[in-house]
Amino acid sequence: HNEIRQLLGEVTFFIALYHAERNLVEIPYLFEMGTDRAVQPPPFELGIGLTSLVIKNRQPILLVEDTARRLQELGAQQTGLPAKSWMGVPMLVAGEVTGAIVVQDLFLEHRFDEGDLQLMVTLASQVAVTVRYVSLLTNAHRQAERERTLNEITAQIRASSDAQKI
């Protein structure tokens, strides 16, 4: 986020993670322009908002003027505060969508350009790999903890000859 802020200035920025098995989008990090804190909204089903379209279509979207009309053209509905400039890029790993990165400016049209979009595409691929790595690592830790617990229970059962204790 700090790098985005240095490159693009003060914008609303969020990372959306897509959980295909549950068809849910989670936003673990959202920083709204004009505030000094990050917030975490509740997860939502993949729907017809712009972020959902980026995830479904696996294609970036750049809107820099007349965003209300462009939303209608795309078949999307407005969710959250209306933005004057909006840019969303999918996070892809090995062709699989893991989420999206979105930046928006609530007040200025033409805030972003094609160069900004290409920068975000590059950044999104790096973030996607990191997110996938962290997810795999977290799952490995959970599995190791389950196996450790199972081994402890098994050892206690084997060590006891009393059926009541077992």
N, C-alpha and C. Protein backbone atom coordinates (compact mmCIF):
# COMPACT_ATOMS: atom_id res chain seq x y z
N HIS A 1 0.82 -1.19 0.00
CA HIS A 1 0.00 0.00 0.00
C HIS A 1 0.86 1.25 0.00
N ASN A 2 1.93 1.23 0.78
CA ASN A 2 2.81 2.40 0.81
C ASN A 2 3.43 2.68 -0.56
N GLU A 3 3.78 1.62 -1.29
CA GLU A 3 4.33 1.82 -2.63
C GLU A 3 3.28 2.38 -3.57
N ILE A 4 2.06 1.88 -3.49
CA ILE A 4 0.97 2.41 -4.31
C ILE A 4 0.76 3.88 -3.98
N ARG A 5 0.78 4.20 -2.71
CA ARG A 5 0.59 5.60 -2.29
C ARG A 5 1.69 6.48 -2.86
N GLN A 6 2.94 6.00 -2.87
CA GLN A 6 4.04 6.79 -3.42
C GLN A 6 3.88 6.99 -4.93
N LEU A 7 3.39 5.96 -5.62
CA LEU A 7 3.26 6.03 -7.07
C LEU A 7 2.01 6.76 -7.53
N LEU A 8 0.88 6.52 -6.86
CA LEU A 8 -0.40 7.05 -7.32
C LEU A 8 -0.98 8.14 -6.43
N GLY A 9 -0.38 8.37 -5.29
CA GLY A 9 -0.91 9.37 -4.38
C GLY A 9 -1.96 8.77 -3.46
N GLU A 10 -2.74 9.63 -2.85
CA GLU A 10 -3.76 9.21 -1.89
C GLU A 10 -4.98 8.70 -2.64
N VAL A 11 -5.20 7.40 -2.61
CA VAL A 11 -6.34 6.75 -3.26
C VAL A 11 -6.91 5.70 -2.33
N THR A 12 -8.14 5.31 -2.61
CA THR A 12 -8.70 4.16 -1.92
C THR A 12 -8.06 2.93 -2.53
N PHE A 13 -7.62 2.03 -1.69
CA PHE A 13 -6.87 0.86 -2.13
C PHE A 13 -7.38 -0.36 -1.37
N PHE A 14 -7.63 -1.46 -2.10
CA PHE A 14 -7.94 -2.69 -1.38
C PHE A 14 -7.50 -3.91 -2.16
N ILE A 15 -7.32 -4.98 -1.39
CA ILE A 15 -7.00 -6.29 -1.93
C ILE A 15 -8.19 -7.18 -1.64
N ALA A 16 -8.71 -7.81 -2.70
CA ALA A 16 -9.83 -8.73 -2.57
C ALA A 16 -9.33 -10.14 -2.86
N LEU A 17 -9.61 -11.07 -1.95
CA LEU A 17 -9.22 -12.46 -2.14
C LEU A 17 -10.47 -13.27 -2.51
N TYR A 18 -10.34 -14.10 -3.53
CA TYR A 18 -11.47 -14.90 -3.98
C TYR A 18 -11.32 -16.34 -3.50
N HIS A 19 -12.35 -16.86 -2.86
CA HIS A 19 -12.39 -18.23 -2.37
C HIS A 19 -13.38 -19.00 -3.25
N ALA A 20 -12.86 -19.64 -4.30
CA ALA A 20 -13.70 -20.28 -5.31
C ALA A 20 -14.58 -21.37 -4.71
N GLU A 21 -14.06 -22.13 -3.75
CA GLU A 21 -14.83 -23.24 -3.19
C GLU A 21 -16.10 -22.76 -2.49
N ARG A 22 -16.11 -21.54 -2.02
CA ARG A 22 -17.28 -20.97 -1.35
C ARG A 22 -17.91 -19.84 -2.15
N ASN A 23 -17.30 -19.48 -3.28
CA ASN A 23 -17.76 -18.38 -4.14
C ASN A 23 -17.85 -17.07 -3.35
N LEU A 24 -16.87 -16.86 -2.46
CA LEU A 24 -16.85 -15.67 -1.60
C LEU A 24 -15.65 -14.80 -1.92
N VAL A 25 -15.86 -13.50 -1.73
CA VAL A 25 -14.79 -12.52 -1.86
C VAL A 25 -14.56 -11.93 -0.47
N GLU A 26 -13.31 -11.93 -0.06
CA GLU A 26 -12.93 -11.38 1.24
C GLU A 26 -12.00 -10.21 0.98
N ILE A 27 -12.18 -9.14 1.72
CA ILE A 27 -11.30 -7.99 1.58
C ILE A 27 -10.52 -7.85 2.89
N PRO A 28 -9.34 -8.48 2.96
CA PRO A 28 -8.58 -8.44 4.20
C PRO A 28 -7.92 -7.09 4.46
N TYR A 29 -7.83 -6.26 3.41
CA TYR A 29 -7.19 -4.96 3.59
C TYR A 29 -7.87 -3.93 2.71
N LEU A 30 -8.39 -2.87 3.34
CA LEU A 30 -9.02 -1.77 2.63
C LEU A 30 -8.59 -0.49 3.29
N PHE A 31 -8.04 0.41 2.49
CA PHE A 31 -7.65 1.72 3.01
C PHE A 31 -8.41 2.76 2.21
N GLU A 32 -9.32 3.46 2.87
CA GLU A 32 -10.13 4.47 2.19
C GLU A 32 -9.44 5.82 2.19
N MET A 33 -9.42 6.46 1.03
CA MET A 33 -8.77 7.76 0.94
C MET A 33 -9.44 8.73 1.90
N GLY A 34 -8.62 9.58 2.47
CA GLY A 34 -9.12 10.55 3.42
C GLY A 34 -9.20 10.04 4.84
N THR A 35 -8.83 8.79 5.06
CA THR A 35 -8.82 8.25 6.42
C THR A 35 -7.40 7.84 6.77
N ASP A 36 -7.17 7.56 8.01
CA ASP A 36 -5.83 7.16 8.43
C ASP A 36 -5.81 5.74 8.98
N ARG A 37 -6.81 4.94 8.57
CA ARG A 37 -6.86 3.59 9.10
C ARG A 37 -7.36 2.62 8.03
N ALA A 38 -6.94 1.39 8.19
CA ALA A 38 -7.42 0.32 7.32
C ALA A 38 -8.66 -0.30 7.96
N VAL A 39 -9.58 -0.76 7.15
CA VAL A 39 -10.79 -1.41 7.64
C VAL A 39 -10.93 -2.76 6.94
N GLN A 40 -11.76 -3.64 7.50
CA GLN A 40 -12.01 -4.93 6.88
C GLN A 40 -13.51 -5.17 6.81
N PRO A 41 -14.09 -4.97 5.63
CA PRO A 41 -15.53 -5.23 5.49
C PRO A 41 -15.82 -6.72 5.52
N PRO A 42 -17.08 -7.10 5.74
CA PRO A 42 -17.41 -8.53 5.77
C PRO A 42 -17.28 -9.15 4.38
N PRO A 43 -17.02 -10.46 4.31
CA PRO A 43 -16.97 -11.15 3.02
C PRO A 43 -18.32 -11.05 2.30
N PHE A 44 -18.30 -11.20 0.97
CA PHE A 44 -19.53 -11.16 0.19
C PHE A 44 -19.44 -12.18 -0.95
N GLU A 45 -20.60 -12.60 -1.43
CA GLU A 45 -20.64 -13.53 -2.55
C GLU A 45 -20.19 -12.81 -3.81
N LEU A 46 -19.51 -13.56 -4.68
CA LEU A 46 -19.14 -13.03 -5.98
C LEU A 46 -20.43 -12.59 -6.67
N GLY A 47 -20.47 -11.33 -7.09
CA GLY A 47 -21.71 -10.79 -7.62
C GLY A 47 -21.53 -10.03 -8.91
N ILE A 48 -22.14 -8.83 -8.96
CA ILE A 48 -22.12 -8.06 -10.19
C ILE A 48 -21.49 -6.67 -10.00
N GLY A 49 -20.73 -6.51 -8.95
CA GLY A 49 -19.97 -5.28 -8.77
C GLY A 49 -18.71 -5.32 -9.64
N LEU A 50 -18.01 -4.22 -9.72
CA LEU A 50 -16.81 -4.16 -10.55
C LEU A 50 -15.73 -5.14 -10.10
N THR A 51 -15.51 -5.25 -8.81
CA THR A 51 -14.50 -6.18 -8.33
C THR A 51 -14.85 -7.61 -8.73
N SER A 52 -16.11 -7.97 -8.61
CA SER A 52 -16.55 -9.30 -9.03
C SER A 52 -16.34 -9.51 -10.52
N LEU A 53 -16.59 -8.47 -11.33
CA LEU A 53 -16.37 -8.59 -12.77
C LEU A 53 -14.89 -8.83 -13.10
N VAL A 54 -14.01 -8.13 -12.39
CA VAL A 54 -12.57 -8.33 -12.60
C VAL A 54 -12.21 -9.78 -12.29
N ILE A 55 -12.75 -10.31 -11.20
CA ILE A 55 -12.45 -11.69 -10.79
C ILE A 55 -13.06 -12.68 -11.78
N LYS A 56 -14.34 -12.50 -12.13
CA LYS A 56 -15.01 -13.42 -13.05
C LYS A 56 -14.34 -13.46 -14.42
N ASN A 57 -14.05 -12.28 -14.97
CA ASN A 57 -13.52 -12.18 -16.33
C ASN A 57 -12.01 -12.30 -16.42
N ARG A 58 -11.35 -12.22 -15.26
CA ARG A 58 -9.88 -12.32 -15.21
C ARG A 58 -9.20 -11.27 -16.09
N GLN A 59 -9.85 -10.12 -16.18
CA GLN A 59 -9.34 -9.03 -17.00
C GLN A 59 -9.36 -7.73 -16.21
N PRO A 60 -8.36 -6.86 -16.42
CA PRO A 60 -8.37 -5.56 -15.73
C PRO A 60 -9.49 -4.67 -16.26
N ILE A 61 -9.92 -3.75 -15.42
CA ILE A 61 -10.90 -2.74 -15.80
C ILE A 61 -10.35 -1.38 -15.39
N LEU A 62 -10.41 -0.42 -16.31
CA LEU A 62 -9.97 0.94 -16.05
C LEU A 62 -11.11 1.89 -16.44
N LEU A 63 -11.64 2.60 -15.46
CA LEU A 63 -12.70 3.59 -15.70
C LEU A 63 -12.19 4.93 -15.21
N VAL A 64 -12.15 5.92 -16.10
CA VAL A 64 -11.59 7.21 -15.69
C VAL A 64 -12.54 8.39 -15.91
N GLU A 65 -13.71 8.14 -16.48
CA GLU A 65 -14.69 9.20 -16.62
C GLU A 65 -16.08 8.60 -16.77
N ASP A 66 -17.08 9.37 -16.40
CA ASP A 66 -18.47 8.95 -16.51
C ASP A 66 -18.65 7.51 -16.02
N THR A 67 -18.18 7.26 -14.82
CA THR A 67 -18.16 5.89 -14.30
C THR A 67 -19.57 5.29 -14.16
N ALA A 68 -20.58 6.12 -13.88
CA ALA A 68 -21.95 5.60 -13.74
C ALA A 68 -22.42 5.00 -15.07
N ARG A 69 -22.17 5.67 -16.17
CA ARG A 69 -22.56 5.16 -17.49
C ARG A 69 -21.76 3.90 -17.84
N ARG A 70 -20.48 3.94 -17.55
CA ARG A 70 -19.62 2.79 -17.85
C ARG A 70 -20.03 1.56 -17.03
N LEU A 71 -20.46 1.78 -15.80
CA LEU A 71 -20.96 0.67 -14.98
C LEU A 71 -22.14 0.00 -15.68
N GLN A 72 -23.08 0.81 -16.18
CA GLN A 72 -24.24 0.26 -16.89
C GLN A 72 -23.81 -0.51 -18.13
N GLU A 73 -22.87 0.04 -18.88
CA GLU A 73 -22.39 -0.63 -20.09
C GLU A 73 -21.78 -2.00 -19.77
N LEU A 74 -21.11 -2.09 -18.64
CA LEU A 74 -20.47 -3.34 -18.24
C LEU A 74 -21.45 -4.30 -17.56
N GLY A 75 -22.65 -3.83 -17.27
CA GLY A 75 -23.62 -4.67 -16.57
C GLY A 75 -23.31 -4.81 -15.10
N ALA A 76 -22.60 -3.84 -14.56
CA ALA A 76 -22.20 -3.89 -13.15
C ALA A 76 -23.08 -2.97 -12.32
N GLN A 77 -23.17 -3.25 -11.05
CA GLN A 77 -23.88 -2.40 -10.12
C GLN A 77 -22.89 -1.71 -9.21
N GLN A 78 -23.23 -0.50 -8.79
CA GLN A 78 -22.40 0.26 -7.87
C GLN A 78 -22.49 -0.36 -6.49
N THR A 79 -21.34 -0.62 -5.88
CA THR A 79 -21.29 -1.04 -4.49
C THR A 79 -20.33 -0.10 -3.79
N GLY A 80 -20.65 0.30 -2.62
CA GLY A 80 -19.80 1.24 -1.91
C GLY A 80 -19.93 2.64 -2.46
N LEU A 81 -18.97 3.49 -2.11
CA LEU A 81 -19.00 4.88 -2.56
C LEU A 81 -18.69 4.96 -4.04
N PRO A 82 -19.41 5.83 -4.78
CA PRO A 82 -19.12 5.96 -6.22
C PRO A 82 -17.77 6.62 -6.44
N ALA A 83 -17.01 6.09 -7.37
CA ALA A 83 -15.68 6.61 -7.68
C ALA A 83 -15.72 7.38 -8.99
N LYS A 84 -14.91 8.41 -9.09
CA LYS A 84 -14.75 9.15 -10.35
C LYS A 84 -13.74 8.45 -11.25
N SER A 85 -12.76 7.78 -10.66
CA SER A 85 -11.78 6.97 -11.39
C SER A 85 -11.64 5.65 -10.65
N TRP A 86 -11.64 4.55 -11.41
CA TRP A 86 -11.61 3.22 -10.80
C TRP A 86 -10.71 2.31 -11.63
N MET A 87 -9.86 1.54 -10.96
CA MET A 87 -8.97 0.61 -11.65
C MET A 87 -8.89 -0.67 -10.83
N GLY A 88 -9.16 -1.79 -11.47
CA GLY A 88 -9.07 -3.09 -10.82
C GLY A 88 -8.35 -4.08 -11.71
N VAL A 89 -7.47 -4.87 -11.11
CA VAL A 89 -6.71 -5.87 -11.86
C VAL A 89 -6.81 -7.21 -11.14
N PRO A 90 -6.93 -8.30 -11.92
CA PRO A 90 -7.01 -9.61 -11.29
C PRO A 90 -5.66 -10.07 -10.78
N MET A 91 -5.69 -10.84 -9.71
CA MET A 91 -4.48 -11.51 -9.22
C MET A 91 -4.56 -12.95 -9.73
N LEU A 92 -3.61 -13.33 -10.56
CA LEU A 92 -3.60 -14.65 -11.19
C LEU A 92 -2.33 -15.40 -10.84
N VAL A 93 -2.50 -16.70 -10.56
CA VAL A 93 -1.37 -17.60 -10.36
C VAL A 93 -1.64 -18.84 -11.20
N ALA A 94 -0.76 -19.11 -12.14
CA ALA A 94 -0.90 -20.26 -13.03
C ALA A 94 -2.28 -20.30 -13.68
N GLY A 95 -2.76 -19.14 -14.11
CA GLY A 95 -4.05 -19.06 -14.78
C GLY A 95 -5.26 -19.09 -13.87
N GLU A 96 -5.04 -19.26 -12.59
CA GLU A 96 -6.14 -19.31 -11.62
C GLU A 96 -6.26 -17.97 -10.91
N VAL A 97 -7.48 -17.46 -10.83
CA VAL A 97 -7.70 -16.17 -10.18
C VAL A 97 -7.74 -16.36 -8.67
N THR A 98 -6.96 -15.54 -7.97
CA THR A 98 -6.94 -15.61 -6.51
C THR A 98 -7.58 -14.37 -5.89
N GLY A 99 -7.89 -13.37 -6.72
CA GLY A 99 -8.51 -12.16 -6.21
C GLY A 99 -8.26 -10.99 -7.14
N ALA A 100 -8.27 -9.79 -6.55
CA ALA A 100 -8.08 -8.57 -7.33
C ALA A 100 -7.48 -7.49 -6.45
N ILE A 101 -6.79 -6.56 -7.10
CA ILE A 101 -6.33 -5.35 -6.44
C ILE A 101 -7.09 -4.19 -7.08
N VAL A 102 -7.62 -3.32 -6.24
CA VAL A 102 -8.43 -2.22 -6.72
C VAL A 102 -7.92 -0.91 -6.13
N VAL A 103 -7.83 0.11 -6.98
CA VAL A 103 -7.57 1.47 -6.53
C VAL A 103 -8.65 2.37 -7.14
N GLN A 104 -9.05 3.36 -6.38
CA GLN A 104 -10.06 4.29 -6.90
C GLN A 104 -9.87 5.67 -6.29
N ASP A 105 -10.30 6.64 -7.05
CA ASP A 105 -10.31 8.02 -6.57
C ASP A 105 -11.77 8.46 -6.56
N LEU A 106 -12.24 8.89 -5.42
CA LEU A 106 -13.63 9.25 -5.27
C LEU A 106 -13.96 10.63 -5.84
N PHE A 107 -12.94 11.44 -6.12
CA PHE A 107 -13.19 12.84 -6.47
C PHE A 107 -12.70 13.27 -7.85
N LEU A 108 -11.66 12.62 -8.39
CA LEU A 108 -11.06 13.08 -9.63
C LEU A 108 -11.25 12.09 -10.78
N GLU A 109 -11.72 12.60 -11.91
CA GLU A 109 -11.73 11.80 -13.12
C GLU A 109 -10.33 11.82 -13.73
N HIS A 110 -10.06 10.87 -14.59
CA HIS A 110 -8.77 10.76 -15.29
C HIS A 110 -7.59 10.67 -14.34
N ARG A 111 -7.82 10.08 -13.19
CA ARG A 111 -6.75 9.95 -12.19
C ARG A 111 -5.72 8.91 -12.61
N PHE A 112 -6.15 7.88 -13.35
CA PHE A 112 -5.27 6.80 -13.75
C PHE A 112 -5.16 6.74 -15.27
N ASP A 113 -4.06 6.13 -15.75
CA ASP A 113 -3.88 5.97 -17.19
C ASP A 113 -3.41 4.54 -17.48
N GLU A 114 -3.15 4.25 -18.75
CA GLU A 114 -2.73 2.90 -19.15
C GLU A 114 -1.41 2.49 -18.48
N GLY A 115 -0.52 3.45 -18.27
CA GLY A 115 0.74 3.15 -17.57
C GLY A 115 0.48 2.68 -16.15
N ASP A 116 -0.46 3.34 -15.47
CA ASP A 116 -0.84 2.93 -14.11
C ASP A 116 -1.45 1.53 -14.13
N LEU A 117 -2.26 1.26 -15.16
CA LEU A 117 -2.88 -0.05 -15.27
C LEU A 117 -1.82 -1.14 -15.44
N GLN A 118 -0.84 -0.90 -16.30
CA GLN A 118 0.22 -1.89 -16.51
C GLN A 118 1.04 -2.10 -15.24
N LEU A 119 1.29 -1.02 -14.51
CA LEU A 119 1.99 -1.14 -13.23
C LEU A 119 1.20 -2.02 -12.27
N MET A 120 -0.12 -1.81 -12.20
CA MET A 120 -0.96 -2.60 -11.30
C MET A 120 -1.02 -4.06 -11.73
N VAL A 121 -1.03 -4.32 -13.03
CA VAL A 121 -1.03 -5.71 -13.52
C VAL A 121 0.24 -6.42 -13.05
N THR A 122 1.37 -5.74 -13.18
CA THR A 122 2.64 -6.31 -12.73
C THR A 122 2.64 -6.54 -11.23
N LEU A 123 2.19 -5.56 -10.49
CA LEU A 123 2.12 -5.68 -9.03
C LEU A 123 1.18 -6.81 -8.62
N ALA A 124 0.04 -6.92 -9.30
CA ALA A 124 -0.94 -7.94 -8.93
C ALA A 124 -0.38 -9.35 -9.10
N SER A 125 0.43 -9.57 -10.13
CA SER A 125 1.00 -10.91 -10.30
C SER A 125 1.96 -11.24 -9.17
N GLN A 126 2.71 -10.26 -8.70
CA GLN A 126 3.63 -10.49 -7.58
C GLN A 126 2.87 -10.72 -6.28
N VAL A 127 1.83 -9.93 -6.05
CA VAL A 127 1.03 -10.09 -4.84
C VAL A 127 0.31 -11.45 -4.87
N ALA A 128 -0.17 -11.86 -6.03
CA ALA A 128 -0.88 -13.14 -6.15
C ALA A 128 0.02 -14.31 -5.76
N VAL A 129 1.25 -14.28 -6.20
CA VAL A 129 2.19 -15.36 -5.85
C VAL A 129 2.44 -15.36 -4.34
N THR A 130 2.60 -14.20 -3.76
CA THR A 130 2.82 -14.09 -2.32
C THR A 130 1.61 -14.60 -1.55
N VAL A 131 0.41 -14.22 -1.98
CA VAL A 131 -0.82 -14.67 -1.32
C VAL A 131 -0.93 -16.19 -1.41
N ARG A 132 -0.63 -16.74 -2.58
CA ARG A 132 -0.70 -18.20 -2.75
C ARG A 132 0.30 -18.89 -1.82
N TYR A 133 1.52 -18.36 -1.74
CA TYR A 133 2.55 -18.93 -0.88
C TYR A 133 2.10 -18.91 0.58
N VAL A 134 1.58 -17.79 1.03
CA VAL A 134 1.13 -17.67 2.41
C VAL A 134 -0.02 -18.65 2.68
N SER A 135 -0.93 -18.79 1.72
CA SER A 135 -2.04 -19.73 1.87
C SER A 135 -1.54 -21.16 1.99
N LEU A 136 -0.61 -21.54 1.13
CA LEU A 136 -0.05 -22.90 1.19
C LEU A 136 0.69 -23.13 2.51
N LEU A 137 1.43 -22.13 2.95
CA LEU A 137 2.16 -22.24 4.21
C LEU A 137 1.20 -22.37 5.39
N THR A 138 0.14 -21.58 5.40
CA THR A 138 -0.86 -21.66 6.46
C THR A 138 -1.52 -23.03 6.48
N ASN A 139 -1.87 -23.55 5.31
CA ASN A 139 -2.48 -24.88 5.24
C ASN A 139 -1.52 -25.96 5.72
N ALA A 140 -0.25 -25.83 5.39
CA ALA A 140 0.75 -26.81 5.84
C ALA A 140 0.88 -26.77 7.36
N HIS A 141 0.85 -25.57 7.95
CA HIS A 141 0.91 -25.45 9.42
C HIS A 141 -0.31 -26.08 10.07
N ARG A 142 -1.49 -25.85 9.49
CA ARG A 142 -2.71 -26.45 10.04
C ARG A 142 -2.64 -27.97 9.99
N GLN A 143 -2.19 -28.49 8.85
CA GLN A 143 -2.09 -29.93 8.70
C GLN A 143 -1.07 -30.51 9.69
N ALA A 144 0.05 -29.85 9.87
CA ALA A 144 1.06 -30.32 10.81
C ALA A 144 0.50 -30.31 12.24
N GLU A 145 -0.27 -29.30 12.59
CA GLU A 145 -0.87 -29.23 13.92
C GLU A 145 -1.88 -30.35 14.12
N ARG A 146 -2.69 -30.64 13.10
CA ARG A 146 -3.64 -31.75 13.19
C ARG A 146 -2.90 -33.07 13.40
N GLU A 147 -1.86 -33.29 12.63
CA GLU A 147 -1.10 -34.53 12.74
C GLU A 147 -0.42 -34.65 14.10
N ARG A 148 0.10 -33.54 14.63
CA ARG A 148 0.71 -33.56 15.94
C ARG A 148 -0.32 -33.94 17.00
N THR A 149 -1.49 -33.34 16.93
CA THR A 149 -2.55 -33.65 17.89
C THR A 149 -2.98 -35.11 17.78
N LEU A 150 -3.14 -35.58 16.56
CA LEU A 150 -3.51 -36.98 16.35
C LEU A 150 -2.45 -37.92 16.91
N ASN A 151 -1.18 -37.61 16.71
CA ASN A 151 -0.10 -38.43 17.26
C ASN A 151 -0.12 -38.44 18.79
N GLU A 152 -0.39 -37.30 19.40
CA GLU A 152 -0.47 -37.24 20.86
C GLU A 152 -1.60 -38.11 21.38
N ILE A 153 -2.75 -38.02 20.74
CA ILE A 153 -3.90 -38.82 21.17
C ILE A 153 -3.60 -40.31 21.00
N THR A 154 -3.03 -40.66 19.86
CA THR A 154 -2.69 -42.06 19.59
C THR A 154 -1.69 -42.58 20.62
N ALA A 155 -0.69 -41.77 20.95
CA ALA A 155 0.32 -42.19 21.94
C ALA A 155 -0.33 -42.39 23.31
N GLN A 156 -1.25 -41.53 23.70
CA GLN A 156 -1.92 -41.67 24.99
C GLN A 156 -2.78 -42.93 25.02
N ILE A 157 -3.43 -43.24 23.91
CA ILE A 157 -4.25 -44.44 23.84
C ILE A 157 -3.37 -45.69 23.96
N ARG A 158 -2.27 -45.69 23.23
CA ARG A 158 -1.36 -46.85 23.27
C ARG A 158 -0.71 -47.03 24.63
N ALA A 159 -0.47 -45.94 25.34
CA ALA A 159 0.20 -46.02 26.63
C ALA A 159 -0.73 -46.47 27.75
N SER A 160 -2.02 -46.43 27.52
CA SER A 160 -2.97 -46.78 28.57
C SER A 160 -3.50 -48.19 28.37
N SER A 161 -3.54 -48.92 29.45
CA SER A 161 -4.11 -50.27 29.39
C SER A 161 -5.51 -50.29 29.99
N ASP A 162 -5.93 -49.17 30.54
CA ASP A 162 -7.22 -49.07 31.19
C ASP A 162 -8.27 -48.59 30.16
N ALA A 163 -9.25 -49.41 29.88
CA ALA A 163 -10.28 -49.08 28.89
C ALA A 163 -11.04 -47.81 29.28
N GLN A 164 -11.22 -47.60 30.59
CA GLN A 164 -11.93 -46.43 31.08
C GLN A 164 -11.17 -45.14 30.72
N LYS A 165 -9.85 -45.14 30.88
CA LYS A 165 -9.03 -43.98 30.55
C LYS A 165 -9.02 -43.71 29.06
N ILE A 166 -9.01 -44.78 28.27
CA ILE A 166 -9.00 -44.65 26.82
C ILE A 166 -10.26 -43.97 26.37
